């Protein structure tokens, strides 16, 4: 009974025809795109975002929807792989948008480091100043001095106040720092 699958308790009850994917033409197979995952957010951890970060997620969503629509208008058949890729990216993005918890920066404790704070720091050994903003995992970008609230430096800075000193342990050694200012402006 090759090509048949027996369904039910007795062989005589029902037969269901099935075909191996090996017999389907290559062009008829649905391609499953490999989509890189979004920034890691551990299970059970809230997806905090700044208002600006949420707007960036929405812009990304609109851009992907527009790109997918253009590809469909050009040729759904010829652009099937790209359309599937964008659709998969949109699913991941929409999960993040739907789980986002927008933090109102005006309601944060203004004199303490919390989510959304931009912190001005002074490195004692190097006699230099720099800033970091603590943001959501999707908006983190070190080149823009935005660090995830899950990052080691954000965890060390949490609840500290202006004037507090701390030591950051890095692979290169310890770095002594001082908080010079805390700001919650976008």
Protein backbone atom coordinates (compact mmCIF):
# COMPACT_ATOMS: atom_id res chain seq x y z
CA UNK A 1 0.00 0.00 0.00
CA UNK A 2 2.70 2.44 -0.91
CA UNK A 3 1.44 6.01 -1.15
CA UNK A 4 -1.33 5.46 1.39
CA UNK A 5 -1.59 6.20 5.07
CA UNK A 6 -3.93 4.09 7.13
CA UNK A 7 -6.24 6.22 9.30
CA UNK A 8 -8.46 4.67 11.98
CA UNK A 9 -8.38 1.50 14.04
CA UNK A 10 -8.97 -0.87 11.15
CA UNK A 11 -7.23 -0.84 7.82
CA UNK A 12 -10.58 -1.16 6.09
CA UNK A 13 -11.98 2.03 7.70
CA UNK A 14 -10.17 4.74 5.74
CA UNK A 15 -7.25 5.33 3.47
CA UNK A 16 -5.73 8.76 2.97
CA UNK A 17 -3.51 9.56 0.00
CA UNK A 18 -0.26 11.38 0.77
CA UNK A 19 2.79 12.31 -1.24
CA UNK A 20 6.39 12.65 -0.18
CA UNK A 21 7.91 16.15 -0.54
CA UNK A 22 10.53 14.42 -2.69
CA UNK A 23 7.99 14.21 -5.51
CA UNK A 24 7.12 17.92 -5.51
CA UNK A 25 8.76 20.14 -8.11
CA UNK A 26 11.55 22.24 -6.68
CA UNK A 27 9.85 25.53 -7.61
CA UNK A 28 6.62 24.47 -5.84
CA UNK A 29 8.23 24.07 -2.42
CA UNK A 30 7.67 26.88 0.05
CA UNK A 31 11.02 28.35 0.96
CA UNK A 32 11.54 28.91 4.66
CA UNK A 33 13.78 31.95 5.13
CA UNK A 34 16.41 32.07 7.83
CA UNK A 35 15.72 35.27 9.71
CA UNK A 36 18.22 36.50 12.28
CA UNK A 37 16.58 36.78 15.69
CA UNK A 38 15.90 40.15 17.26
CA UNK A 39 17.98 41.26 20.24
CA UNK A 40 17.78 38.72 23.04
CA UNK A 41 15.09 39.30 25.64
CA UNK A 42 15.01 36.55 28.29
CA UNK A 43 11.70 34.79 28.96
CA UNK A 44 9.70 36.52 31.66
CA UNK A 45 11.53 39.86 31.29
CA UNK A 46 9.33 42.81 30.36
CA UNK A 47 9.99 44.40 26.96
CA UNK A 48 10.61 47.97 28.16
CA UNK A 49 11.05 50.62 25.47
CA UNK A 50 11.42 54.39 25.49
CA UNK A 51 8.80 56.39 23.59
CA UNK A 52 11.44 57.11 20.93
CA UNK A 53 12.34 53.42 20.76
CA UNK A 54 8.70 52.49 20.23
CA UNK A 55 8.44 55.00 17.38
CA UNK A 56 11.55 53.44 15.80
CA UNK A 57 9.95 49.98 15.99
CA UNK A 58 6.81 51.33 14.29
CA UNK A 59 8.91 53.00 11.56
CA UNK A 60 10.73 49.71 10.98
CA UNK A 61 7.38 47.93 10.72
CA UNK A 62 6.03 50.47 8.21
CA UNK A 63 9.21 50.23 6.15
CA UNK A 64 9.01 46.43 5.98
CA UNK A 65 5.31 46.51 5.07
CA UNK A 66 6.03 49.01 2.28
CA UNK A 67 8.97 46.95 1.00
CA UNK A 68 6.88 43.77 0.97
CA UNK A 69 4.07 45.53 -0.90
CA UNK A 70 6.47 46.79 -3.58
CA UNK A 71 7.85 43.28 -4.05
CA UNK A 72 4.32 41.87 -4.36
CA UNK A 73 3.39 44.50 -6.95
CA UNK A 74 6.51 43.70 -8.97
CA UNK A 75 5.98 39.93 -8.99
CA UNK A 76 4.78 37.74 -6.17
CA UNK A 77 6.16 34.66 -7.94
CA UNK A 78 9.64 36.05 -8.68
CA UNK A 79 9.98 37.73 -5.27
CA UNK A 80 8.54 34.89 -3.19
CA UNK A 81 11.73 34.30 -1.18
CA UNK A 82 12.16 38.00 -0.33
CA UNK A 83 8.46 38.32 0.52
CA UNK A 84 8.69 35.30 2.85
CA UNK A 85 11.81 36.75 4.47
CA UNK A 86 10.14 40.11 5.12
CA UNK A 87 6.99 38.39 6.39
CA UNK A 88 9.06 36.38 8.86
CA UNK A 89 10.88 39.54 10.00
CA UNK A 90 7.53 41.28 10.44
CA UNK A 91 6.23 38.47 12.66
CA UNK A 92 9.21 38.84 15.00
CA UNK A 93 8.91 42.62 14.99
CA UNK A 94 5.15 42.54 15.62
CA UNK A 95 5.72 40.26 18.62
CA UNK A 96 8.07 42.89 20.04
CA UNK A 97 5.70 45.76 19.30
CA UNK A 98 2.78 43.89 20.89
CA UNK A 99 4.79 43.10 24.03
CA UNK A 100 6.31 46.59 24.36
CA UNK A 101 5.89 48.42 27.64
CA UNK A 102 6.52 52.09 26.92
CA UNK A 103 8.16 53.83 29.87
CA UNK A 104 7.18 57.48 30.37
CA UNK A 105 10.52 59.13 31.13
CA UNK A 106 8.85 62.07 32.85
CA UNK A 107 7.54 59.67 35.51
CA UNK A 108 10.97 58.25 36.34
CA UNK A 109 12.68 59.24 39.60
CA UNK A 110 14.66 62.14 38.14
CA UNK A 111 17.59 62.06 40.58
CA UNK A 112 18.24 58.29 40.25
CA UNK A 113 19.38 56.14 37.35
CA UNK A 114 16.40 54.25 35.96
CA UNK A 115 15.28 53.01 32.58
CA UNK A 116 15.55 55.76 29.95
CA UNK A 117 18.12 57.84 31.84
CA UNK A 118 21.01 59.45 30.02
CA UNK A 119 23.93 59.32 32.41
CA UNK A 120 27.01 61.54 32.15
CA UNK A 121 30.01 59.66 33.52
CA UNK A 122 33.58 60.58 34.34
CA UNK A 123 36.37 57.98 34.01
CA UNK A 124 38.96 58.86 36.62
CA UNK A 125 41.93 56.90 35.21
CA UNK A 126 41.48 58.28 31.70
CA UNK A 127 40.33 61.76 32.77
CA UNK A 128 37.47 61.69 30.25
CA UNK A 129 33.71 62.14 30.17
CA UNK A 130 31.12 60.15 28.24
CA UNK A 131 27.38 59.39 28.23
CA UNK A 132 25.14 56.37 28.03
CA UNK A 133 21.39 56.12 27.75
CA UNK A 134 19.69 53.04 29.21
CA UNK A 135 17.16 51.77 26.67
CA UNK A 136 15.28 48.65 25.55
CA UNK A 137 16.98 45.68 23.94
CA UNK A 138 15.81 46.57 20.43
CA UNK A 139 16.97 50.18 20.66
CA UNK A 140 20.41 49.45 22.14
CA UNK A 141 23.23 50.67 19.89
CA UNK A 142 26.69 51.20 21.35
CA UNK A 143 27.72 53.49 18.47
CA UNK A 144 24.92 55.84 19.63
CA UNK A 145 25.83 55.36 23.32
CA UNK A 146 22.57 53.49 23.95
CA UNK A 147 22.89 50.42 26.16
CA UNK A 148 20.31 47.77 26.97
CA UNK A 149 18.76 47.82 30.43
CA UNK A 150 20.02 44.22 30.67
CA UNK A 151 23.67 45.16 30.07
CA UNK A 152 26.22 44.93 32.91
CA UNK A 153 26.81 48.70 33.01
CA UNK A 154 23.06 49.42 33.18
CA UNK A 155 22.69 46.96 36.05
CA UNK A 156 25.56 48.60 37.95
CA UNK A 157 24.16 52.09 37.35
CA UNK A 158 20.58 51.26 38.41
CA UNK A 159 19.40 53.30 41.42
CA UNK A 160 22.64 55.30 41.64
CA UNK A 161 22.52 59.10 42.05
CA UNK A 162 24.53 62.08 40.86
CA UNK A 163 27.91 62.08 42.59
CA UNK A 164 27.96 58.32 43.23
CA UNK A 165 31.20 56.54 42.42
CA UNK A 166 31.50 52.93 41.32
CA UNK A 167 33.96 50.49 39.81
CA UNK A 168 33.19 48.73 36.55
CA UNK A 169 34.95 45.39 36.13
CA UNK A 170 35.95 44.72 32.52
CA UNK A 171 38.20 42.16 30.84
CA UNK A 172 40.84 44.92 30.64
CA UNK A 173 40.62 45.56 34.38
CA UNK A 174 38.69 47.78 36.76
CA UNK A 175 37.56 51.25 35.77
CA UNK A 176 36.60 53.81 38.42
CA UNK A 177 33.73 56.08 37.42
CA UNK A 178 31.64 58.85 38.85
CA UNK A 179 28.11 59.90 37.87
CA UNK A 180 28.14 63.58 36.99
CA UNK A 181 24.58 64.03 35.73
CA UNK A 182 21.31 62.16 35.13
CA UNK A 183 18.88 63.35 32.47
CA UNK A 184 15.57 61.99 31.18
CA UNK A 185 15.16 64.08 28.02
CA UNK A 186 14.59 62.23 24.74
